[in-house]
Amino acid sequence: MMSQVADPTEVLINGAQAAYDEKNYPEAVAVLELALERMVDKSGHYNLADRWKLERTYFLLGKATSS
C-alpha cells in the first residue's frame, strides 16, 4: 500500500502505527526512533510546526515500549 502523504516523517509515523497495530512492537519502536531523528536535532531542538508529530511519536513510542 502506498501512502498518499508527502511528508516523509509522517510516512514513518504512519508505518510505525501500522507495525504497532500488527503487534510488531520492535519494528514500531525502530521506525519511531527514525522519525525522532528526523525531527529533533542533536541539541534537542525541533521545529514548532512538528510539535503535533512529536506528540504522536512519543505517544506511540510509549505504547510500543510498554507492550
PDB file of N, CA and C in Angstrom:
ATOM      1  N   MET A   1       0.846  -1.187   0.000  1.00  0.00           N
ATOM      2  CA  MET A   1       0.000   0.000   0.000  1.00  0.00           C
ATOM      3  C   MET A   1       0.885   1.240   0.000  1.00  0.00           C
ATOM      4  N   MET A   2       0.637   2.146  -0.890  1.00  0.00           N
ATOM      5  CA  MET A   2       1.430   3.364  -0.994  1.00  0.00           C
ATOM      6  C   MET A   2       0.735   4.494  -0.241  1.00  0.00           C
ATOM      7  N   SER A   3       1.513   5.237   0.515  1.00  0.00           N
ATOM      8  CA  SER A   3       0.968   6.348   1.282  1.00  0.00           C
ATOM      9  C   SER A   3       0.708   7.539   0.374  1.00  0.00           C
ATOM     10  N   GLN A   4      -0.337   8.258   0.687  1.00  0.00           N
ATOM     11  CA  GLN A   4      -0.676   9.475  -0.055  1.00  0.00           C
ATOM     12  C   GLN A   4      -0.097  10.704   0.631  1.00  0.00           C
ATOM     13  N   VAL A   5       0.673  10.497   1.681  1.00  0.00           N
ATOM     14  CA  VAL A   5       1.241  11.589   2.452  1.00  0.00           C
ATOM     15  C   VAL A   5       2.583  11.992   1.856  1.00  0.00           C
ATOM     16  N   ALA A   6       2.798  13.287   1.684  1.00  0.00           N
ATOM     17  CA  ALA A   6       4.034  13.774   1.079  1.00  0.00           C
ATOM     18  C   ALA A   6       5.161  13.923   2.099  1.00  0.00           C
ATOM     19  N   ASP A   7       4.841  14.110   3.356  1.00  0.00           N
ATOM     20  CA  ASP A   7       5.831  14.340   4.398  1.00  0.00           C
ATOM     21  C   ASP A   7       6.489  13.015   4.794  1.00  0.00           C
ATOM     22  N   PRO A   8       7.798  12.848   4.543  1.00  0.00           N
ATOM     23  CA  PRO A   8       8.457  11.587   4.854  1.00  0.00           C
ATOM     24  C   PRO A   8       8.402  11.206   6.338  1.00  0.00           C
ATOM     25  N   THR A   9       8.415  12.179   7.216  1.00  0.00           N
ATOM     26  CA  THR A   9       8.330  11.885   8.649  1.00  0.00           C
ATOM     27  C   THR A   9       6.955  11.331   8.990  1.00  0.00           C
ATOM     28  N   GLU A  10       5.942  11.887   8.395  1.00  0.00           N
ATOM     29  CA  GLU A  10       4.591  11.399   8.638  1.00  0.00           C
ATOM     30  C   GLU A  10       4.414   9.981   8.092  1.00  0.00           C
ATOM     31  N   VAL A  11       5.085   9.695   6.977  1.00  0.00           N
ATOM     32  CA  VAL A  11       5.053   8.340   6.424  1.00  0.00           C
ATOM     33  C   VAL A  11       5.667   7.363   7.428  1.00  0.00           C
ATOM     34  N   LEU A  12       6.781   7.753   8.054  1.00  0.00           N
ATOM     35  CA  LEU A  12       7.402   6.911   9.070  1.00  0.00           C
ATOM     36  C   LEU A  12       6.455   6.678  10.251  1.00  0.00           C
ATOM     37  N   ILE A  13       5.829   7.730  10.714  1.00  0.00           N
ATOM     38  CA  ILE A  13       4.921   7.610  11.856  1.00  0.00           C
ATOM     39  C   ILE A  13       3.749   6.701  11.513  1.00  0.00           C
ATOM     40  N   ASN A  14       3.207   6.863  10.313  1.00  0.00           N
ATOM     41  CA  ASN A  14       2.102   6.003   9.884  1.00  0.00           C
ATOM     42  C   ASN A  14       2.554   4.547   9.776  1.00  0.00           C
ATOM     43  N   GLY A  15       3.773   4.332   9.294  1.00  0.00           N
ATOM     44  CA  GLY A  15       4.312   2.979   9.219  1.00  0.00           C
ATOM     45  C   GLY A  15       4.495   2.372  10.599  1.00  0.00           C
ATOM     46  N   ALA A  16       4.949   3.185  11.541  1.00  0.00           N
ATOM     47  CA  ALA A  16       5.103   2.715  12.913  1.00  0.00           C
ATOM     48  C   ALA A  16       3.749   2.360  13.511  1.00  0.00           C
ATOM     49  N   GLN A  17       2.738   3.142  13.205  1.00  0.00           N
ATOM     50  CA  GLN A  17       1.386   2.841  13.692  1.00  0.00           C
ATOM     51  C   GLN A  17       0.913   1.506  13.125  1.00  0.00           C
ATOM     52  N   ALA A  18       1.179   1.274  11.843  1.00  0.00           N
ATOM     53  CA  ALA A  18       0.794   0.008  11.224  1.00  0.00           C
ATOM     54  C   ALA A  18       1.528  -1.164  11.882  1.00  0.00           C
ATOM     55  N   ALA A  19       2.825  -1.005  12.145  1.00  0.00           N
ATOM     56  CA  ALA A  19       3.595  -2.059  12.816  1.00  0.00           C
ATOM     57  C   ALA A  19       3.039  -2.317  14.212  1.00  0.00           C
ATOM     58  N   TYR A  20       2.698  -1.257  14.913  1.00  0.00           N
ATOM     59  CA  TYR A  20       2.119  -1.401  16.250  1.00  0.00           C
ATOM     60  C   TYR A  20       0.793  -2.148  16.177  1.00  0.00           C
ATOM     61  N   ASP A  21      -0.044  -1.761  15.227  1.00  0.00           N
ATOM     62  CA  ASP A  21      -1.351  -2.417  15.070  1.00  0.00           C
ATOM     63  C   ASP A  21      -1.201  -3.908  14.778  1.00  0.00           C
ATOM     64  N   GLU A  22      -0.090  -4.274  14.127  1.00  0.00           N
ATOM     65  CA  GLU A  22       0.183  -5.685  13.818  1.00  0.00           C
ATOM     66  C   GLU A  22       0.947  -6.376  14.959  1.00  0.00           C
ATOM     67  N   LYS A  23       1.081  -5.671  16.080  1.00  0.00           N
ATOM     68  CA  LYS A  23       1.793  -6.170  17.269  1.00  0.00           C
ATOM     69  C   LYS A  23       3.273  -6.429  17.003  1.00  0.00           C
ATOM     70  N   ASN A  24       3.832  -5.730  16.036  1.00  0.00           N
ATOM     71  CA  ASN A  24       5.265  -5.811  15.746  1.00  0.00           C
ATOM     72  C   ASN A  24       5.931  -4.636  16.462  1.00  0.00           C
ATOM     73  N   TYR A  25       6.027  -4.742  17.781  1.00  0.00           N
ATOM     74  CA  TYR A  25       6.484  -3.640  18.606  1.00  0.00           C
ATOM     75  C   TYR A  25       7.940  -3.251  18.360  1.00  0.00           C
ATOM     76  N   PRO A  26       8.851  -4.209  18.173  1.00  0.00           N
ATOM     77  CA  PRO A  26      10.240  -3.810  17.900  1.00  0.00           C
ATOM     78  C   PRO A  26      10.375  -2.974  16.619  1.00  0.00           C
ATOM     79  N   GLU A  27       9.622  -3.340  15.590  1.00  0.00           N
ATOM     80  CA  GLU A  27       9.674  -2.552  14.349  1.00  0.00           C
ATOM     81  C   GLU A  27       9.071  -1.169  14.568  1.00  0.00           C
ATOM     82  N   ALA A  28       7.970  -1.103  15.291  1.00  0.00           N
ATOM     83  CA  ALA A  28       7.341   0.191  15.568  1.00  0.00           C
ATOM     84  C   ALA A  28       8.318   1.106  16.300  1.00  0.00           C
ATOM     85  N   VAL A  29       9.013   0.563  17.303  1.00  0.00           N
ATOM     86  CA  VAL A  29       9.969   1.364  18.073  1.00  0.00           C
ATOM     87  C   VAL A  29      11.098   1.850  17.160  1.00  0.00           C
ATOM     88  N   ALA A  30      11.634   0.960  16.338  1.00  0.00           N
ATOM     89  CA  ALA A  30      12.741   1.327  15.439  1.00  0.00           C
ATOM     90  C   ALA A  30      12.332   2.437  14.478  1.00  0.00           C
ATOM     91  N   VAL A  31      11.143   2.335  13.920  1.00  0.00           N
ATOM     92  CA  VAL A  31      10.672   3.336  12.962  1.00  0.00           C
ATOM     93  C   VAL A  31      10.399   4.665  13.670  1.00  0.00           C
ATOM     94  N   LEU A  32       9.848   4.609  14.852  1.00  0.00           N
ATOM     95  CA  LEU A  32       9.600   5.841  15.611  1.00  0.00           C
ATOM     96  C   LEU A  32      10.907   6.532  15.977  1.00  0.00           C
ATOM     97  N   GLU A  33      11.926   5.757  16.295  1.00  0.00           N
ATOM     98  CA  GLU A  33      13.233   6.357  16.579  1.00  0.00           C
ATOM     99  C   GLU A  33      13.799   7.051  15.338  1.00  0.00           C
ATOM    100  N   LEU A  34      13.575   6.477  14.166  1.00  0.00           N
ATOM    101  CA  LEU A  34      13.988   7.142  12.919  1.00  0.00           C
ATOM    102  C   LEU A  34      13.238   8.456  12.736  1.00  0.00           C
ATOM    103  N   ALA A  35      11.947   8.433  13.025  1.00  0.00           N
ATOM    104  CA  ALA A  35      11.142   9.651  12.897  1.00  0.00           C
ATOM    105  C   ALA A  35      11.673  10.732  13.843  1.00  0.00           C
ATOM    106  N   LEU A  36      12.013  10.338  15.064  1.00  0.00           N
ATOM    107  CA  LEU A  36      12.548  11.307  16.021  1.00  0.00           C
ATOM    108  C   LEU A  36      13.867  11.892  15.535  1.00  0.00           C
ATOM    109  N   GLU A  37      14.716  11.066  14.943  1.00  0.00           N
ATOM    110  CA  GLU A  37      15.989  11.559  14.409  1.00  0.00           C
ATOM    111  C   GLU A  37      15.767  12.619  13.332  1.00  0.00           C
ATOM    112  N   ARG A  38      14.689  12.485  12.573  1.00  0.00           N
ATOM    113  CA  ARG A  38      14.380  13.457  11.520  1.00  0.00           C
ATOM    114  C   ARG A  38      13.851  14.769  12.089  1.00  0.00           C
ATOM    115  N   MET A  39      13.174  14.697  13.241  1.00  0.00           N
ATOM    116  CA  MET A  39      12.508  15.882  13.770  1.00  0.00           C
ATOM    117  C   MET A  39      13.312  16.635  14.824  1.00  0.00           C
ATOM    118  N   VAL A  40      14.150  15.941  15.574  1.00  0.00           N
ATOM    119  CA  VAL A  40      14.847  16.565  16.704  1.00  0.00           C
ATOM    120  C   VAL A  40      16.346  16.549  16.421  1.00  0.00           C
ATOM    121  N   ASP A  41      16.975  17.726  16.508  1.00  0.00           N
ATOM    122  CA  ASP A  41      18.422  17.768  16.256  1.00  0.00           C
ATOM    123  C   ASP A  41      19.186  17.307  17.498  1.00  0.00           C
ATOM    124  N   LYS A  42      20.483  17.195  17.373  1.00  0.00           N
ATOM    125  CA  LYS A  42      21.319  16.647  18.448  1.00  0.00           C
ATOM    126  C   LYS A  42      21.277  17.476  19.726  1.00  0.00           C
ATOM    127  N   SER A  43      20.906  18.737  19.628  1.00  0.00           N
ATOM    128  CA  SER A  43      20.818  19.577  20.821  1.00  0.00           C
ATOM    129  C   SER A  43      19.413  19.547  21.439  1.00  0.00           C
ATOM    130  N   GLY A  44      18.516  18.769  20.851  1.00  0.00           N
ATOM    131  CA  GLY A  44      17.168  18.638  21.397  1.00  0.00           C
ATOM    132  C   GLY A  44      16.165  19.638  20.855  1.00  0.00           C
ATOM    133  N   HIS A  45      16.567  20.435  19.881  1.00  0.00           N
ATOM    134  CA  HIS A  45      15.662  21.422  19.293  1.00  0.00           C
ATOM    135  C   HIS A  45      14.845  20.812  18.163  1.00  0.00           C
ATOM    136  N   TYR A  46      13.658  21.342  17.991  1.00  0.00           N
ATOM    137  CA  TYR A  46      12.780  20.885  16.912  1.00  0.00           C
ATOM    138  C   TYR A  46      11.979  22.064  16.387  1.00  0.00           C
ATOM    139  N   ASN A  47      11.422  21.889  15.216  1.00  0.00           N
ATOM    140  CA  ASN A  47      10.594  22.900  14.577  1.00  0.00           C
ATOM    141  C   ASN A  47       9.210  22.873  15.244  1.00  0.00           C
ATOM    142  N   LEU A  48       8.721  24.022  15.658  1.00  0.00           N
ATOM    143  CA  LEU A  48       7.408  24.072  16.316  1.00  0.00           C
ATOM    144  C   LEU A  48       6.297  23.515  15.441  1.00  0.00           C
ATOM    145  N   ALA A  49       6.451  23.598  14.139  1.00  0.00           N
ATOM    146  CA  ALA A  49       5.437  23.060  13.229  1.00  0.00           C
ATOM    147  C   ALA A  49       5.350  21.535  13.352  1.00  0.00           C
ATOM    148  N   ASP A  50       6.405  20.901  13.868  1.00  0.00           N
ATOM    149  CA  ASP A  50       6.420  19.446  14.032  1.00  0.00           C
ATOM    150  C   ASP A  50       5.902  18.994  15.391  1.00  0.00           C
ATOM    151  N   ARG A  51       5.443  19.911  16.188  1.00  0.00           N
ATOM    152  CA  ARG A  51       5.053  19.569  17.558  1.00  0.00           C
ATOM    153  C   ARG A  51       3.990  18.465  17.604  1.00  0.00           C
ATOM    154  N   TRP A  52       2.972  18.543  16.760  1.00  0.00           N
ATOM    155  CA  TRP A  52       1.921  17.523  16.786  1.00  0.00           C
ATOM    156  C   TRP A  52       2.471  16.162  16.370  1.00  0.00           C
ATOM    157  N   LYS A  53       3.448  16.153  15.437  1.00  0.00           N
ATOM    158  CA  LYS A  53       4.061  14.885  15.037  1.00  0.00           C
ATOM    159  C   LYS A  53       4.900  14.319  16.180  1.00  0.00           C
ATOM    160  N   LEU A  54       5.584  15.192  16.901  1.00  0.00           N
ATOM    161  CA  LEU A  54       6.361  14.744  18.051  1.00  0.00           C
ATOM    162  C   LEU A  54       5.454  14.158  19.129  1.00  0.00           C
ATOM    163  N   GLU A  55       4.338  14.811  19.390  1.00  0.00           N
ATOM    164  CA  GLU A  55       3.402  14.312  20.393  1.00  0.00           C
ATOM    165  C   GLU A  55       2.900  12.925  20.006  1.00  0.00           C
ATOM    166  N   ARG A  56       2.542  12.750  18.748  1.00  0.00           N
ATOM    167  CA  ARG A  56       2.054  11.450  18.274  1.00  0.00           C
ATOM    168  C   ARG A  56       3.171  10.404  18.356  1.00  0.00           C
ATOM    169  N   THR A  57       4.392  10.798  17.991  1.00  0.00           N
ATOM    170  CA  THR A  57       5.521   9.876  18.010  1.00  0.00           C
ATOM    171  C   THR A  57       5.808   9.404  19.429  1.00  0.00           C
ATOM    172  N   TYR A  58       5.881  10.330  20.372  1.00  0.00           N
ATOM    173  CA  TYR A  58       6.154   9.941  21.750  1.00  0.00           C
ATOM    174  C   TYR A  58       5.011   9.117  22.349  1.00  0.00           C
ATOM    175  N   PHE A  59       3.792   9.425  21.982  1.00  0.00           N
ATOM    176  CA  PHE A  59       2.638   8.643  22.459  1.00  0.00           C
ATOM    177  C   PHE A  59       2.750   7.202  21.967  1.00  0.00           C
ATOM    178  N   LEU A  60       3.000   7.039  20.648  1.00  0.00           N
ATOM    179  CA  LEU A  60       3.129   5.686  20.093  1.00  0.00           C
ATOM    180  C   LEU A  60       4.347   4.969  20.667  1.00  0.00           C
ATOM    181  N   LEU A  61       5.432   5.696  20.859  1.00  0.00           N
ATOM    182  CA  LEU A  61       6.634   5.094  21.410  1.00  0.00           C
ATOM    183  C   LEU A  61       6.377   4.570  22.822  1.00  0.00           C
ATOM    184  N   GLY A  62       5.658   5.334  23.600  1.00  0.00           N
ATOM    185  CA  GLY A  62       5.297   4.882  24.941  1.00  0.00           C
ATOM    186  C   GLY A  62       4.435   3.624  24.912  1.00  0.00           C
ATOM    187  N   LYS A  63       3.480   3.578  24.001  1.00  0.00           N
ATOM    188  CA  LYS A  63       2.629   2.407  23.877  1.00  0.00           C
ATOM    189  C   LYS A  63       3.424   1.192  23.412  1.00  0.00           C
ATOM    190  N   ALA A  64       4.302   1.392  22.424  1.00  0.00           N
ATOM    191  CA  ALA A  64       5.054   0.266  21.853  1.00  0.00           C
ATOM    192  C   ALA A  64       6.081  -0.282  22.835  1.00  0.00           C
ATOM    193  N   THR A  65       6.702   0.579  23.620  1.00  0.00           N
ATOM    194  CA  THR A  65       7.720   0.098  24.556  1.00  0.00           C
ATOM    195  C   THR A  65       7.104  -0.548  25.790  1.00  0.00           C
ATOM    196  N   SER A  66       5.859  -0.264  26.058  1.00  0.00           N
ATOM    197  CA  SER A  66       5.217  -0.872  27.230  1.00  0.00           C
ATOM    198  C   SER A  66       4.413  -2.119  26.862  1.00  0.00           C
ATOM    199  N   SER A  67       4.387  -2.452  25.589  1.00  0.00           N
ATOM    200  CA  SER A  67       3.616  -3.631  25.146  1.00  0.00           C
ATOM    201  C   SER A  67       4.468  -4.875  25.129  1.00  0.00           C
TER     202      SER A  67
END
